[in-house]
Amino acid sequence: MDCRVKPGNDEEREKMSERLLVLVRHGQSDWNLKNLFTGWRDVGLTEKGVEEARAAGRKLKAQGLRFDVAFTSALVRAQRTLDLMLEEMEQQNLPIIKDQALNERDYGDLSGLNKDDARKKWGEEQVHIWRRSYDVAPPGGESLKDTAARVLPYYISDILPRVLRAERVLVVAHGNSLRALVMVLEHLSEKEIVAREIATGVPLVYRLNADSTVAESRELAA
C-alpha cells in the first residue's frame, strides 16, 4: 500500500485533499516499550514515541497536507502525539475534538500486566486468543468486536460527515480503535483485520468517494 505521493506533484496533492481522512496510531508509549498490556491506562510516550510523532507530522507537512479538524481519544499518549504532529505541521490552532469512543481497546484484567507474565498465568494459547481473535474478550475487557461497536457509531455520526463535506480530517488514536476503522474502510474480514499491524507514528492516508467508499489509500512509511 506504500504508493507515496511525491512532494512536488501538485496535482496529486490537490487530489488527496478532497474528502481527506488521515489515521495515525500514537507514538511508542512507555508501556509499549515495557511489553505491558495498556488499554485504557494513561501512560506517556517514550523518547522514540516523541520522535515518531514528530516524524509523522513532518511526513504530512512534506505532502502539503493541511487539516480542518482533528479527532483524538481521551488518553494522553494519543493527545500528546497529536500535539507534537501539529507542532511540526505548524497547525497548532487546529480545532481538536477528544472522545473516549476512540480509546484503545480495554484489556480489562490484563491491563498493566507484562505479556510474558500473562502467558505464564493463563497459557500461551489463551492469551493469543484474547489478543488476536475478533470477538473473544479478556476478563473484564473488550474484544476487537466490542471496540468496533463503540468506534464505528462515533465515526459515522461525528467523523465521516465532516469528511464527506470535504473537510480534511486527522484522527490520532490507537492500534485497535484504528483497526476498527481500517476494517470498514478497506473491507477487511474478521480474520484479516486481527492480522493487520498498524505501526506507531505511520500516517494512513485515505481519500473517500462521495458515497464514503475509499477512492485511494496510501501509507506514508519511512
Protein backbone atom coordinates (compact mmCIF):
# COMPACT_ATOMS: atom_id res chain seq x y z
CA MET A 1 0.00 0.00 0.00
CA ASP A 2 3.08 2.24 0.06
CA CYS A 3 2.48 4.25 -3.10
CA ARG A 4 3.63 7.57 -1.69
CA VAL A 5 2.86 10.91 -3.28
CA LYS A 6 5.94 12.78 -4.37
CA PRO A 7 6.03 16.17 -2.60
CA GLY A 8 6.48 18.07 -5.87
CA ASN A 9 3.39 16.64 -7.56
CA ASP A 10 0.85 19.45 -7.16
CA GLU A 11 -1.94 17.59 -8.96
CA GLU A 12 -1.66 14.61 -6.64
CA ARG A 13 -1.50 16.90 -3.60
CA GLU A 14 -4.75 18.59 -4.60
CA LYS A 15 -6.39 15.26 -5.35
CA MET A 16 -5.58 13.87 -1.91
CA SER A 17 -7.11 16.95 -0.24
CA GLU A 18 -10.59 16.02 -1.46
CA ARG A 19 -12.55 14.21 1.25
CA LEU A 20 -9.30 13.57 3.11
CA LEU A 21 -9.10 11.23 6.12
CA VAL A 22 -5.76 10.51 7.78
CA LEU A 23 -5.36 7.95 10.57
CA VAL A 24 -2.30 7.83 12.82
CA ARG A 25 -1.53 5.50 15.71
CA HIS A 26 0.16 7.26 18.63
CA GLY A 27 3.93 7.04 19.04
CA GLN A 28 5.55 4.33 21.14
CA SER A 29 4.38 4.54 24.77
CA ASP A 30 6.24 3.68 27.96
CA TRP A 31 4.19 0.51 28.32
CA ASN A 32 4.67 -0.49 24.68
CA LEU A 33 8.38 -0.44 25.45
CA LYS A 34 7.92 -2.48 28.63
CA ASN A 35 5.71 -5.06 26.82
CA LEU A 36 2.73 -4.35 29.07
CA PHE A 37 -0.97 -4.50 28.20
CA THR A 38 -2.02 -0.85 28.24
CA GLY A 39 -5.63 -0.47 27.17
CA TRP A 40 -7.30 2.47 28.93
CA ARG A 41 -4.40 3.06 31.32
CA ASP A 42 -2.98 6.55 30.81
CA VAL A 43 0.74 6.41 30.05
CA GLY A 44 3.15 8.75 28.31
CA LEU A 45 5.34 8.48 25.24
CA THR A 46 8.93 7.27 25.17
CA GLU A 47 11.63 9.37 23.54
CA LYS A 48 11.19 7.16 20.49
CA GLY A 49 7.44 7.79 20.62
CA VAL A 50 8.00 11.54 20.68
CA GLU A 51 10.23 11.30 17.61
CA GLU A 52 7.70 9.03 15.83
CA ALA A 53 5.01 11.65 16.45
CA ARG A 54 7.19 14.46 15.15
CA ALA A 55 8.18 12.38 12.13
CA ALA A 56 4.51 11.76 11.32
CA GLY A 57 3.88 15.49 11.36
CA ARG A 58 6.86 16.13 9.12
CA LYS A 59 5.69 13.50 6.62
CA LEU A 60 2.25 15.07 6.35
CA LYS A 61 3.73 18.55 6.01
CA ALA A 62 6.05 17.30 3.26
CA GLN A 63 2.99 16.12 1.33
CA GLY A 64 1.49 19.60 1.57
CA LEU A 65 -1.47 18.26 3.57
CA ARG A 66 -3.33 20.60 5.90
CA PHE A 67 -6.36 19.84 8.04
CA ASP A 68 -9.61 21.45 9.13
CA VAL A 69 -10.17 19.41 12.29
CA ALA A 70 -8.51 16.68 14.35
CA PHE A 71 -10.01 13.91 16.46
CA THR A 72 -8.25 12.01 19.22
CA SER A 73 -9.02 9.81 22.20
CA ALA A 74 -9.32 10.68 25.89
CA LEU A 75 -5.87 9.17 26.54
CA VAL A 76 -2.69 11.20 26.98
CA ARG A 77 -0.46 9.20 24.62
CA ALA A 78 -2.73 9.92 21.66
CA GLN A 79 -3.27 13.57 22.63
CA ARG A 80 0.47 14.14 23.06
CA THR A 81 1.16 12.54 19.69
CA LEU A 82 -1.37 14.84 18.05
CA ASP A 83 0.10 17.93 19.72
CA LEU A 84 3.61 17.05 18.52
CA MET A 85 2.37 16.38 14.99
CA LEU A 86 0.54 19.70 14.83
CA GLU A 87 3.64 21.49 16.07
CA GLU A 88 5.66 20.00 13.22
CA MET A 89 2.93 20.90 10.72
CA GLU A 90 2.62 24.44 12.15
CA GLN A 91 -1.10 23.89 12.70
CA GLN A 92 -1.23 24.33 16.50
CA ASN A 93 -4.52 26.24 16.27
CA LEU A 94 -6.36 23.37 14.62
CA PRO A 95 -9.68 22.53 16.34
CA ILE A 96 -9.30 19.28 18.34
CA ILE A 97 -12.15 17.01 19.41
CA LYS A 98 -11.38 14.46 22.15
CA ASP A 99 -13.64 11.49 22.83
CA GLN A 100 -13.24 8.21 24.67
CA ALA A 101 -15.06 6.49 21.81
CA LEU A 102 -11.63 6.49 20.14
CA ASN A 103 -9.84 4.99 23.15
CA GLU A 104 -7.74 1.87 22.84
CA ARG A 105 -9.38 -1.49 23.40
CA ASP A 106 -9.91 -2.09 27.13
CA TYR A 107 -7.81 -5.08 28.16
CA GLY A 108 -9.61 -5.47 31.49
CA ASP A 109 -7.75 -7.75 33.93
CA LEU A 110 -4.75 -7.88 31.58
CA SER A 111 -4.14 -4.12 31.84
CA GLY A 112 -0.77 -3.38 33.40
CA LEU A 113 0.46 -6.96 33.10
CA ASN A 114 3.60 -7.96 31.24
CA LYS A 115 2.55 -10.02 28.23
CA ASP A 116 5.04 -12.77 29.09
CA ASP A 117 3.68 -12.94 32.67
CA ALA A 118 0.14 -13.16 31.30
CA ARG A 119 1.20 -16.14 29.16
CA LYS A 120 2.61 -17.86 32.24
CA LYS A 121 -0.62 -17.26 34.17
CA TRP A 122 -3.21 -18.15 31.52
CA GLY A 123 -1.20 -20.05 28.92
CA GLU A 124 0.18 -19.09 25.51
CA GLU A 125 -2.90 -20.25 23.62
CA GLN A 126 -5.43 -18.39 25.78
CA VAL A 127 -3.51 -15.11 25.70
CA HIS A 128 -3.11 -15.44 21.93
CA ILE A 129 -6.89 -15.90 21.61
CA TRP A 130 -7.54 -12.78 23.68
CA ARG A 131 -5.05 -10.74 21.68
CA ARG A 132 -5.74 -11.99 18.17
CA SER A 133 -9.35 -13.13 17.99
CA TYR A 134 -12.04 -10.79 16.77
CA ASP A 135 -14.82 -11.49 19.26
CA VAL A 136 -13.25 -13.04 22.40
CA ALA A 137 -12.68 -10.53 25.20
CA PRO A 138 -10.19 -10.90 28.06
CA PRO A 139 -11.69 -10.98 31.58
CA GLY A 140 -13.30 -7.63 32.33
CA GLY A 141 -12.24 -6.18 28.97
CA GLU A 142 -13.23 -5.71 25.34
CA SER A 143 -12.79 -7.76 22.20
CA LEU A 144 -11.95 -6.05 18.94
CA LYS A 145 -15.61 -6.52 18.06
CA ASP A 146 -16.60 -4.65 21.24
CA THR A 147 -14.14 -1.89 20.40
CA ALA A 148 -15.60 -1.56 16.91
CA ALA A 149 -19.08 -1.35 18.43
CA ARG A 150 -18.19 1.97 20.07
CA VAL A 151 -15.74 3.33 17.47
CA LEU A 152 -17.86 2.85 14.34
CA PRO A 153 -21.03 4.66 15.51
CA TYR A 154 -18.85 7.61 16.51
CA TYR A 155 -17.12 7.55 13.13
CA ILE A 156 -20.47 7.51 11.33
CA SER A 157 -22.04 10.26 13.43
CA ASP A 158 -19.11 12.62 14.04
CA ILE A 159 -16.16 11.98 11.73
CA LEU A 160 -17.50 10.74 8.39
CA PRO A 161 -19.99 13.62 7.82
CA ARG A 162 -17.12 16.09 8.06
CA VAL A 163 -15.04 14.14 5.54
CA LEU A 164 -17.98 13.98 3.13
CA ARG A 165 -18.38 17.77 3.46
CA ALA A 166 -14.82 17.95 2.08
CA GLU A 167 -13.28 18.83 5.44
CA ARG A 168 -9.76 17.47 5.83
CA VAL A 169 -9.83 15.26 8.92
CA LEU A 170 -6.95 13.91 11.03
CA VAL A 171 -7.58 11.10 13.55
CA VAL A 172 -4.87 10.20 16.07
CA ALA A 173 -5.82 7.20 18.16
CA HIS A 174 -4.75 3.63 18.98
CA GLY A 175 -3.93 0.34 17.34
CA ASN A 176 -7.28 -1.32 17.93
CA SER A 177 -9.59 1.69 17.64
CA LEU A 178 -7.93 2.38 14.29
CA ARG A 179 -8.23 -1.28 13.29
CA ALA A 180 -11.99 -0.89 13.63
CA LEU A 181 -11.91 1.99 11.13
CA VAL A 182 -9.47 0.28 8.76
CA MET A 183 -11.65 -2.83 8.74
CA VAL A 184 -14.56 -0.81 7.38
CA LEU A 185 -12.57 1.44 5.06
CA GLU A 186 -10.65 -1.43 3.45
CA HIS A 187 -13.45 -4.04 3.61
CA LEU A 188 -11.32 -6.49 5.60
CA SER A 189 -12.66 -9.71 7.05
CA GLU A 190 -12.51 -10.55 10.76
CA LYS A 191 -9.52 -12.79 10.08
CA GLU A 192 -7.74 -10.16 8.01
CA ILE A 193 -8.18 -7.32 10.48
CA VAL A 194 -6.80 -9.17 13.51
CA ALA A 195 -3.67 -9.92 11.49
CA ARG A 196 -3.32 -6.32 10.32
CA GLU A 197 -0.50 -4.46 12.03
CA ILE A 198 -0.80 -0.70 12.39
CA ALA A 199 2.60 0.80 13.05
CA THR A 200 3.10 3.60 15.57
CA GLY A 201 3.50 7.02 14.01
CA VAL A 202 2.84 5.99 10.39
CA PRO A 203 0.08 8.04 8.69
CA LEU A 204 -2.57 6.13 6.75
CA VAL A 205 -3.98 8.49 4.14
CA TYR A 206 -7.41 7.91 2.59
CA ARG A 207 -9.37 9.87 0.01
CA LEU A 208 -13.05 8.96 0.04
CA ASN A 209 -15.65 8.91 -2.69
CA ALA A 210 -18.92 10.80 -2.21
CA ASP A 211 -20.56 7.52 -1.13
CA SER A 212 -17.95 7.10 1.67
CA THR A 213 -16.05 4.28 -0.05
CA VAL A 214 -12.28 4.61 -0.46
CA ALA A 215 -11.10 6.12 -3.74
CA GLU A 216 -7.43 5.96 -2.85
CA SER A 217 -5.28 4.96 0.09
CA ARG A 218 -1.62 5.16 0.91
CA GLU A 219 0.73 4.66 3.80
CA LEU A 220 3.37 7.30 4.45
CA ALA A 221 6.07 4.94 5.61
CA ALA A 222 9.69 5.95 6.12
